[in-house]
Amino acid sequence: MSLTKLNLVSARVLGVAVVVASLGLGGCATYSDEFATINSRLDQLDARVQNAAQSAESANQSAQQANRRLDQIESRVQQLEQAPRRQPRG
């Protein structure tokens, strides 16, 4: 082969390598955008989970307070049931 043909073959190979490399790097940019979107969605889900956990904790505290009130009422009802009956006045 002559020197010109070798240079032409080398130039073609180099050109193909540059095109392949640029397409490969372009694909990485697309993945970067997708990862950013996924991370944003994960952050939103994390915030929702945290809100749900706080709501559940608040509901749990309210339920415990309601149970304590019911226990107080129950003991009072039992006292009233065990008390001697009064005679009506009249």
PDB file of N, CA and C in Angstrom:
ATOM      1  N   MET A   1       0.829  -1.166   0.000  1.00  0.00           N
ATOM      2  CA  MET A   1       0.000   0.000   0.000  1.00  0.00           C
ATOM      3  C   MET A   1       0.881   1.239   0.000  1.00  0.00           C
ATOM      4  N   SER A   2       0.359   2.216  -0.616  1.00  0.00           N
ATOM      5  CA  SER A   2       1.126   3.455  -0.645  1.00  0.00           C
ATOM      6  C   SER A   2       0.846   4.239   0.633  1.00  0.00           C
ATOM      7  N   LEU A   3       1.661   5.229   0.843  1.00  0.00           N
ATOM      8  CA  LEU A   3       1.543   6.049   2.049  1.00  0.00           C
ATOM      9  C   LEU A   3       0.216   6.802   2.079  1.00  0.00           C
ATOM     10  N   THR A   4      -0.305   7.235   0.948  1.00  0.00           N
ATOM     11  CA  THR A   4      -1.567   7.946   0.876  1.00  0.00           C
ATOM     12  C   THR A   4      -2.726   7.039   1.266  1.00  0.00           C
ATOM     13  N   LYS A   5      -2.705   5.806   0.777  1.00  0.00           N
ATOM     14  CA  LYS A   5      -3.774   4.862   1.122  1.00  0.00           C
ATOM     15  C   LYS A   5      -3.738   4.527   2.605  1.00  0.00           C
ATOM     16  N   LEU A   6      -2.535   4.380   3.164  1.00  0.00           N
ATOM     17  CA  LEU A   6      -2.422   4.112   4.602  1.00  0.00           C
ATOM     18  C   LEU A   6      -2.971   5.280   5.417  1.00  0.00           C
ATOM     19  N   ASN A   7      -2.653   6.481   5.006  1.00  0.00           N
ATOM     20  CA  ASN A   7      -3.174   7.658   5.705  1.00  0.00           C
ATOM     21  C   ASN A   7      -4.695   7.723   5.609  1.00  0.00           C
ATOM     22  N   LEU A   8      -5.230   7.378   4.430  1.00  0.00           N
ATOM     23  CA  LEU A   8      -6.674   7.382   4.231  1.00  0.00           C
ATOM     24  C   LEU A   8      -7.353   6.345   5.125  1.00  0.00           C
ATOM     25  N   VAL A   9      -6.778   5.142   5.212  1.00  0.00           N
ATOM     26  CA  VAL A   9      -7.330   4.090   6.068  1.00  0.00           C
ATOM     27  C   VAL A   9      -7.252   4.519   7.531  1.00  0.00           C
ATOM     28  N   SER A  10      -6.128   5.091   7.901  1.00  0.00           N
ATOM     29  CA  SER A  10      -5.975   5.558   9.284  1.00  0.00           C
ATOM     30  C   SER A  10      -6.978   6.667   9.593  1.00  0.00           C
ATOM     31  N   ALA A  11      -7.185   7.562   8.658  1.00  0.00           N
ATOM     32  CA  ALA A  11      -8.136   8.644   8.858  1.00  0.00           C
ATOM     33  C   ALA A  11      -9.547   8.100   9.011  1.00  0.00           C
ATOM     34  N   ARG A  12      -9.891   7.108   8.204  1.00  0.00           N
ATOM     35  CA  ARG A  12     -11.226   6.490   8.317  1.00  0.00           C
ATOM     36  C   ARG A  12     -11.400   5.820   9.672  1.00  0.00           C
ATOM     37  N   VAL A  13     -10.406   5.068  10.094  1.00  0.00           N
ATOM     38  CA  VAL A  13     -10.482   4.385  11.386  1.00  0.00           C
ATOM     39  C   VAL A  13     -10.600   5.412  12.506  1.00  0.00           C
ATOM     40  N   LEU A  14      -9.813   6.461  12.423  1.00  0.00           N
ATOM     41  CA  LEU A  14      -9.866   7.509  13.434  1.00  0.00           C
ATOM     42  C   LEU A  14     -11.230   8.202  13.430  1.00  0.00           C
ATOM     43  N   GLY A  15     -11.774   8.447  12.253  1.00  0.00           N
ATOM     44  CA  GLY A  15     -13.091   9.070  12.134  1.00  0.00           C
ATOM     45  C   GLY A  15     -14.181   8.214  12.743  1.00  0.00           C
ATOM     46  N   VAL A  16     -14.132   6.914  12.458  1.00  0.00           N
ATOM     47  CA  VAL A  16     -15.115   5.992  13.037  1.00  0.00           C
ATOM     48  C   VAL A  16     -14.971   5.965  14.553  1.00  0.00           C
ATOM     49  N   ALA A  17     -13.747   5.961  15.052  1.00  0.00           N
ATOM     50  CA  ALA A  17     -13.525   5.953  16.496  1.00  0.00           C
ATOM     51  C   ALA A  17     -14.089   7.220  17.136  1.00  0.00           C
ATOM     52  N   VAL A  18     -13.901   8.365  16.477  1.00  0.00           N
ATOM     53  CA  VAL A  18     -14.422   9.623  17.014  1.00  0.00           C
ATOM     54  C   VAL A  18     -15.948   9.608  17.040  1.00  0.00           C
ATOM     55  N   VAL A  19     -16.559   9.109  15.974  1.00  0.00           N
ATOM     56  CA  VAL A  19     -18.025   9.037  15.917  1.00  0.00           C
ATOM     57  C   VAL A  19     -18.553   8.112  17.010  1.00  0.00           C
ATOM     58  N   VAL A  20     -17.928   6.942  17.178  1.00  0.00           N
ATOM     59  CA  VAL A  20     -18.366   5.986  18.208  1.00  0.00           C
ATOM     60  C   VAL A  20     -18.196   6.592  19.594  1.00  0.00           C
ATOM     61  N   ALA A  21     -17.077   7.249  19.833  1.00  0.00           N
ATOM     62  CA  ALA A  21     -16.829   7.860  21.140  1.00  0.00           C
ATOM     63  C   ALA A  21     -17.842   8.960  21.422  1.00  0.00           C
ATOM     64  N   SER A  22     -18.146   9.785  20.426  1.00  0.00           N
ATOM     65  CA  SER A  22     -19.101  10.868  20.659  1.00  0.00           C
ATOM     66  C   SER A  22     -20.503  10.328  20.912  1.00  0.00           C
ATOM     67  N   LEU A  23     -20.881   9.267  20.206  1.00  0.00           N
ATOM     68  CA  LEU A  23     -22.192   8.658  20.466  1.00  0.00           C
ATOM     69  C   LEU A  23     -22.236   8.044  21.861  1.00  0.00           C
ATOM     70  N   GLY A  24     -21.149   7.432  22.264  1.00  0.00           N
ATOM     71  CA  GLY A  24     -21.086   6.838  23.606  1.00  0.00           C
ATOM     72  C   GLY A  24     -21.194   7.882  24.690  1.00  0.00           C
ATOM     73  N   LEU A  25     -20.509   8.995  24.531  1.00  0.00           N
ATOM     74  CA  LEU A  25     -20.584  10.062  25.523  1.00  0.00           C
ATOM     75  C   LEU A  25     -21.948  10.733  25.508  1.00  0.00           C
ATOM     76  N   GLY A  26     -22.550  10.832  24.349  1.00  0.00           N
ATOM     77  CA  GLY A  26     -23.899  11.387  24.260  1.00  0.00           C
ATOM     78  C   GLY A  26     -24.894  10.523  25.016  1.00  0.00           C
ATOM     79  N   GLY A  27     -24.690   9.218  24.981  1.00  0.00           N
ATOM     80  CA  GLY A  27     -25.551   8.303  25.732  1.00  0.00           C
ATOM     81  C   GLY A  27     -25.412   8.510  27.223  1.00  0.00           C
ATOM     82  N   CYS A  28     -24.219   8.810  27.681  1.00  0.00           N
ATOM     83  CA  CYS A  28     -24.009   9.059  29.105  1.00  0.00           C
ATOM     84  C   CYS A  28     -24.769  10.298  29.558  1.00  0.00           C
ATOM     85  N   ALA A  29     -24.815  11.301  28.725  1.00  0.00           N
ATOM     86  CA  ALA A  29     -25.554  12.509  29.088  1.00  0.00           C
ATOM     87  C   ALA A  29     -27.037  12.184  29.261  1.00  0.00           C
ATOM     88  N   THR A  30     -27.568  11.318  28.410  1.00  0.00           N
ATOM     89  CA  THR A  30     -28.960  10.909  28.531  1.00  0.00           C
ATOM     90  C   THR A  30     -29.190  10.174  29.844  1.00  0.00           C
ATOM     91  N   TYR A  31     -28.273   9.278  30.189  1.00  0.00           N
ATOM     92  CA  TYR A  31     -28.406   8.561  31.452  1.00  0.00           C
ATOM     93  C   TYR A  31     -28.320   9.523  32.628  1.00  0.00           C
ATOM     94  N   SER A  32     -27.490  10.525  32.518  1.00  0.00           N
ATOM     95  CA  SER A  32     -27.371  11.505  33.594  1.00  0.00           C
ATOM     96  C   SER A  32     -28.707  12.206  33.826  1.00  0.00           C
ATOM     97  N   ASP A  33     -29.389  12.565  32.748  1.00  0.00           N
ATOM     98  CA  ASP A  33     -30.702  13.196  32.882  1.00  0.00           C
ATOM     99  C   ASP A  33     -31.706  12.237  33.506  1.00  0.00           C
ATOM    100  N   GLU A  34     -31.649  10.984  33.101  1.00  0.00           N
ATOM    101  CA  GLU A  34     -32.574   9.992  33.658  1.00  0.00           C
ATOM    102  C   GLU A  34     -32.305   9.770  35.141  1.00  0.00           C
ATOM    103  N   PHE A  35     -31.019   9.731  35.520  1.00  0.00           N
ATOM    104  CA  PHE A  35     -30.685   9.563  36.934  1.00  0.00           C
ATOM    105  C   PHE A  35     -31.164  10.758  37.742  1.00  0.00           C
ATOM    106  N   ALA A  36     -31.048  11.942  37.186  1.00  0.00           N
ATOM    107  CA  ALA A  36     -31.529  13.130  37.886  1.00  0.00           C
ATOM    108  C   ALA A  36     -33.043  13.058  38.084  1.00  0.00           C
ATOM    109  N   THR A  37     -33.762  12.594  37.071  1.00  0.00           N
ATOM    110  CA  THR A  37     -35.211  12.444  37.183  1.00  0.00           C
ATOM    111  C   THR A  37     -35.569  11.409  38.239  1.00  0.00           C
ATOM    112  N   ILE A  38     -34.862  10.291  38.210  1.00  0.00           N
ATOM    113  CA  ILE A  38     -35.125   9.224  39.189  1.00  0.00           C
ATOM    114  C   ILE A  38     -34.823   9.715  40.598  1.00  0.00           C
ATOM    115  N   ASN A  39     -33.703  10.427  40.770  1.00  0.00           N
ATOM    116  CA  ASN A  39     -33.364  10.949  42.096  1.00  0.00           C
ATOM    117  C   ASN A  39     -34.407  11.936  42.586  1.00  0.00           C
ATOM    118  N   SER A  40     -34.932  12.744  41.684  1.00  0.00           N
ATOM    119  CA  SER A  40     -35.982  13.687  42.061  1.00  0.00           C
ATOM    120  C   SER A  40     -37.229  12.948  42.520  1.00  0.00           C
ATOM    121  N   ARG A  41     -37.595  11.920  41.805  1.00  0.00           N
ATOM    122  CA  ARG A  41     -38.773  11.130  42.198  1.00  0.00           C
ATOM    123  C   ARG A  41     -38.548  10.442  43.537  1.00  0.00           C
ATOM    124  N   LEU A  42     -37.333   9.925  43.736  1.00  0.00           N
ATOM    125  CA  LEU A  42     -37.033   9.277  45.019  1.00  0.00           C
ATOM    126  C   LEU A  42     -37.114  10.281  46.166  1.00  0.00           C
ATOM    127  N   ASP A  43     -36.636  11.504  45.933  1.00  0.00           N
ATOM    128  CA  ASP A  43     -36.732  12.533  46.966  1.00  0.00           C
ATOM    129  C   ASP A  43     -38.187  12.853  47.291  1.00  0.00           C
ATOM    130  N   GLN A  44     -39.026  12.920  46.257  1.00  0.00           N
ATOM    131  CA  GLN A  44     -40.451  13.183  46.480  1.00  0.00           C
ATOM    132  C   GLN A  44     -41.094  12.044  47.271  1.00  0.00           C
ATOM    133  N   LEU A  45     -40.751  10.809  46.912  1.00  0.00           N
ATOM    134  CA  LEU A  45     -41.301   9.659  47.640  1.00  0.00           C
ATOM    135  C   LEU A  45     -40.821   9.649  49.083  1.00  0.00           C
ATOM    136  N   ASP A  46     -39.569  10.002  49.291  1.00  0.00           N
ATOM    137  CA  ASP A  46     -39.031  10.048  50.645  1.00  0.00           C
ATOM    138  C   ASP A  46     -39.788  11.079  51.480  1.00  0.00           C
ATOM    139  N   ALA A  47     -40.073  12.225  50.895  1.00  0.00           N
ATOM    140  CA  ALA A  47     -40.831  13.255  51.614  1.00  0.00           C
ATOM    141  C   ALA A  47     -42.232  12.753  51.951  1.00  0.00           C
ATOM    142  N   ARG A  48     -42.857  12.062  51.012  1.00  0.00           N
ATOM    143  CA  ARG A  48     -44.202  11.516  51.274  1.00  0.00           C
ATOM    144  C   ARG A  48     -44.169  10.482  52.385  1.00  0.00           C
ATOM    145  N   VAL A  49     -43.152   9.640  52.377  1.00  0.00           N
ATOM    146  CA  VAL A  49     -43.029   8.606  53.421  1.00  0.00           C
ATOM    147  C   VAL A  49     -42.827   9.268  54.784  1.00  0.00           C
ATOM    148  N   GLN A  50     -41.985  10.311  54.822  1.00  0.00           N
ATOM    149  CA  GLN A  50     -41.764  11.010  56.086  1.00  0.00           C
ATOM    150  C   GLN A  50     -43.068  11.646  56.594  1.00  0.00           C
ATOM    151  N   ASN A  51     -43.827  12.259  55.698  1.00  0.00           N
ATOM    152  CA  ASN A  51     -45.120  12.850  56.087  1.00  0.00           C
ATOM    153  C   ASN A  51     -46.081  11.783  56.591  1.00  0.00           C
ATOM    154  N   ALA A  52     -46.106  10.654  55.909  1.00  0.00           N
ATOM    155  CA  ALA A  52     -46.993   9.568  56.329  1.00  0.00           C
ATOM    156  C   ALA A  52     -46.570   9.032  57.695  1.00  0.00           C
ATOM    157  N   ALA A  53     -45.272   8.929  57.926  1.00  0.00           N
ATOM    158  CA  ALA A  53     -44.781   8.449  59.221  1.00  0.00           C
ATOM    159  C   ALA A  53     -45.162   9.426  60.339  1.00  0.00           C
ATOM    160  N   GLN A  54     -45.045  10.720  60.062  1.00  0.00           N
ATOM    161  CA  GLN A  54     -45.436  11.712  61.068  1.00  0.00           C
ATOM    162  C   GLN A  54     -46.934  11.661  61.335  1.00  0.00           C
ATOM    163  N   SER A  55     -47.719  11.491  60.297  1.00  0.00           N
ATOM    164  CA  SER A  55     -49.173  11.388  60.473  1.00  0.00           C
ATOM    165  C   SER A  55     -49.528  10.142  61.279  1.00  0.00           C
ATOM    166  N   ALA A  56     -48.856   9.055  60.990  1.00  0.00           N
ATOM    167  CA  ALA A  56     -49.115   7.821  61.721  1.00  0.00           C
ATOM    168  C   ALA A  56     -48.733   7.973  63.193  1.00  0.00           C
ATOM    169  N   GLU A  57     -47.624   8.632  63.460  1.00  0.00           N
ATOM    170  CA  GLU A  57     -47.208   8.848  64.845  1.00  0.00           C
ATOM    171  C   GLU A  57     -48.211   9.739  65.570  1.00  0.00           C
ATOM    172  N   SER A  58     -48.690  10.762  64.906  1.00  0.00           N
ATOM    173  CA  SER A  58     -49.693  11.641  65.503  1.00  0.00           C
ATOM    174  C   SER A  58     -50.983  10.881  65.795  1.00  0.00           C
ATOM    175  N   ALA A  59     -51.403  10.059  64.844  1.00  0.00           N
ATOM    176  CA  ALA A  59     -52.616   9.259  65.041  1.00  0.00           C
ATOM    177  C   ALA A  59     -52.427   8.276  66.193  1.00  0.00           C
ATOM    178  N   ASN A  60     -51.243   7.714  66.316  1.00  0.00           N
ATOM    179  CA  ASN A  60     -50.956   6.775  67.399  1.00  0.00           C
ATOM    180  C   ASN A  60     -51.042   7.476  68.750  1.00  0.00           C
ATOM    181  N   GLN A  61     -50.483   8.684  68.832  1.00  0.00           N
ATOM    182  CA  GLN A  61     -50.552   9.432  70.089  1.00  0.00           C
ATOM    183  C   GLN A  61     -51.990   9.783  70.445  1.00  0.00           C
ATOM    184  N   SER A  62     -52.773  10.178  69.445  1.00  0.00           N
ATOM    185  CA  SER A  62     -54.183  10.496  69.694  1.00  0.00           C
ATOM    186  C   SER A  62     -54.944   9.264  70.167  1.00  0.00           C
ATOM    187  N   ALA A  63     -54.655   8.130  69.571  1.00  0.00           N
ATOM    188  CA  ALA A  63     -55.326   6.891  69.977  1.00  0.00           C
ATOM    189  C   ALA A  63     -54.946   6.510  71.402  1.00  0.00           C
ATOM    190  N   GLN A  64     -53.693   6.692  71.760  1.00  0.00           N
ATOM    191  CA  GLN A  64     -53.274   6.382  73.134  1.00  0.00           C
ATOM    192  C   GLN A  64     -53.961   7.306  74.135  1.00  0.00           C
ATOM    193  N   GLN A  65     -54.083   8.570  73.781  1.00  0.00           N
ATOM    194  CA  GLN A  65     -54.768   9.512  74.660  1.00  0.00           C
ATOM    195  C   GLN A  65     -56.247   9.141  74.800  1.00  0.00           C
ATOM    196  N   ALA A  66     -56.873   8.751  73.702  1.00  0.00           N
ATOM    197  CA  ALA A  66     -58.273   8.334  73.759  1.00  0.00           C
ATOM    198  C   ALA A  66     -58.433   7.079  74.617  1.00  0.00           C
ATOM    199  N   ASN A  67     -57.493   6.157  74.523  1.00  0.00           N
ATOM    200  CA  ASN A  67     -57.550   4.940  75.353  1.00  0.00           C
ATOM    201  C   ASN A  67     -57.420   5.278  76.830  1.00  0.00           C
ATOM    202  N   ARG A  68     -56.535   6.236  77.162  1.00  0.00           N
ATOM    203  CA  ARG A  68     -56.409   6.638  78.572  1.00  0.00           C
ATOM    204  C   ARG A  68     -57.727   7.245  79.074  1.00  0.00           C
ATOM    205  N   ARG A  69     -58.367   8.066  78.259  1.00  0.00           N
ATOM    206  CA  ARG A  69     -59.654   8.662  78.657  1.00  0.00           C
ATOM    207  C   ARG A  69     -60.717   7.588  78.849  1.00  0.00           C
ATOM    208  N   LEU A  70     -60.747   6.609  77.946  1.00  0.00           N
ATOM    209  CA  LEU A  70     -61.715   5.516  78.100  1.00  0.00           C
ATOM    210  C   LEU A  70     -61.460   4.725  79.371  1.00  0.00           C
ATOM    211  N   ASP A  71     -60.191   4.508  79.698  1.00  0.00           N
ATOM    212  CA  ASP A  71     -59.877   3.794  80.940  1.00  0.00           C
ATOM    213  C   ASP A  71     -60.370   4.574  82.152  1.00  0.00           C
ATOM    214  N   GLN A  72     -60.210   5.915  82.129  1.00  0.00           N
ATOM    215  CA  GLN A  72     -60.700   6.732  83.243  1.00  0.00           C
ATOM    216  C   GLN A  72     -62.220   6.658  83.341  1.00  0.00           C
ATOM    217  N   ILE A  73     -62.879   6.742  82.211  1.00  0.00           N
ATOM    218  CA  ILE A  73     -64.345   6.669  82.207  1.00  0.00           C
ATOM    219  C   ILE A  73     -64.811   5.300  82.675  1.00  0.00           C
ATOM    220  N   GLU A  74     -64.118   4.259  82.253  1.00  0.00           N
ATOM    221  CA  GLU A  74     -64.519   2.903  82.641  1.00  0.00           C
ATOM    222  C   GLU A  74     -64.424   2.715  84.145  1.00  0.00           C
ATOM    223  N   SER A  75     -63.360   3.211  84.749  1.00  0.00           N
ATOM    224  CA  SER A  75     -63.250   3.066  86.208  1.00  0.00           C
ATOM    225  C   SER A  75     -64.344   3.851  86.913  1.00  0.00           C
ATOM    226  N   ARG A  76     -64.695   5.023  86.393  1.00  0.00           N
ATOM    227  CA  ARG A  76     -65.774   5.804  86.994  1.00  0.00           C
ATOM    228  C   ARG A  76     -67.118   5.101  86.844  1.00  0.00           C
ATOM    229  N   VAL A  77     -67.368   4.511  85.686  1.00  0.00           N
ATOM    230  CA  VAL A  77     -68.616   3.768  85.466  1.00  0.00           C
ATOM    231  C   VAL A  77     -68.696   2.585  86.428  1.00  0.00           C
ATOM    232  N   GLN A  78     -67.609   1.897  86.630  1.00  0.00           N
ATOM    233  CA  GLN A  78     -67.610   0.757  87.564  1.00  0.00           C
ATOM    234  C   GLN A  78     -67.894   1.221  88.983  1.00  0.00           C
ATOM    235  N   GLN A  79     -67.354   2.359  89.372  1.00  0.00           N
ATOM    236  CA  GLN A  79     -67.635   2.892  90.706  1.00  0.00           C
ATOM    237  C   GLN A  79     -69.116   3.203  90.857  1.00  0.00           C
ATOM    238  N   LEU A  80     -69.690   3.799  89.825  1.00  0.00           N
ATOM    239  CA  LEU A  80     -71.112   4.147  89.892  1.00  0.00           C
ATOM    240  C   LEU A  80     -71.982   2.894  89.920  1.00  0.00           C
ATOM    241  N   GLU A  81     -71.590   1.873  89.193  1.00  0.00           N
ATOM    242  CA  GLU A  81     -72.378   0.641  89.175  1.00  0.00           C
ATOM    243  C   GLU A  81     -72.313  -0.079  90.522  1.00  0.00           C
ATOM    244  N   GLN A  82     -71.206   0.032  91.224  1.00  0.00           N
ATOM    245  CA  GLN A  82     -71.043  -0.668  92.501  1.00  0.00           C
ATOM    246  C   GLN A  82     -71.589   0.137  93.682  1.00  0.00           C
ATOM    247  N   ALA A  83     -71.869   1.385  93.490  1.00  0.00           N
ATOM    248  CA  ALA A  83     -72.391   2.226  94.563  1.00  0.00           C
ATOM    249  C   ALA A  83     -73.807   1.757  94.918  1.00  0.00           C
ATOM    250  N   PRO A  84     -74.175   1.894  96.179  1.00  0.00           N
ATOM    251  CA  PRO A  84     -75.521   1.494  96.573  1.00  0.00           C
ATOM    252  C   PRO A  84     -76.565   2.386  95.891  1.00  0.00           C
ATOM    253  N   ARG A  85     -77.689   1.786  95.605  1.00  0.00           N
ATOM    254  CA  ARG A  85     -78.768   2.522  94.934  1.00  0.00           C
ATOM    255  C   ARG A  85     -79.441   3.461  95.918  1.00  0.00           C
ATOM    256  N   ARG A  86     -79.780   4.636  95.433  1.00  0.00           N
ATOM    257  CA  ARG A  86     -80.499   5.587  96.280  1.00  0.00           C
ATOM    258  C   ARG A  86     -81.991   5.397  96.114  1.00  0.00           C
ATOM    259  N   GLN A  87     -82.674   5.721  97.135  1.00  0.00           N
ATOM    260  CA  GLN A  87     -84.139   5.660  97.109  1.00  0.00           C
ATOM    261  C   GLN A  87     -84.655   6.959  96.503  1.00  0.00           C
ATOM    262  N   PRO A  88     -85.596   6.856  95.618  1.00  0.00           N
ATOM    263  CA  PRO A  88     -86.163   8.095  95.059  1.00  0.00           C
ATOM    264  C   PRO A  88     -86.877   8.910  96.141  1.00  0.00           C
ATOM    265  N   ARG A  89     -86.869  10.208  95.984  1.00  0.00           N
ATOM    266  CA  ARG A  89     -87.505  11.100  96.979  1.00  0.00           C
ATOM    267  C   ARG A  89     -88.938  11.356  96.536  1.00  0.00           C
ATOM    268  N   GLY A  90     -89.792  10.912  96.900  1.00  0.00           N
ATOM    269  CA  GLY A  90     -91.098  11.341  96.477  1.00  0.00           C
ATOM    270  C   GLY A  90     -92.136  10.381  96.598  1.00  0.00           C
TER     271      GLY A  90
END
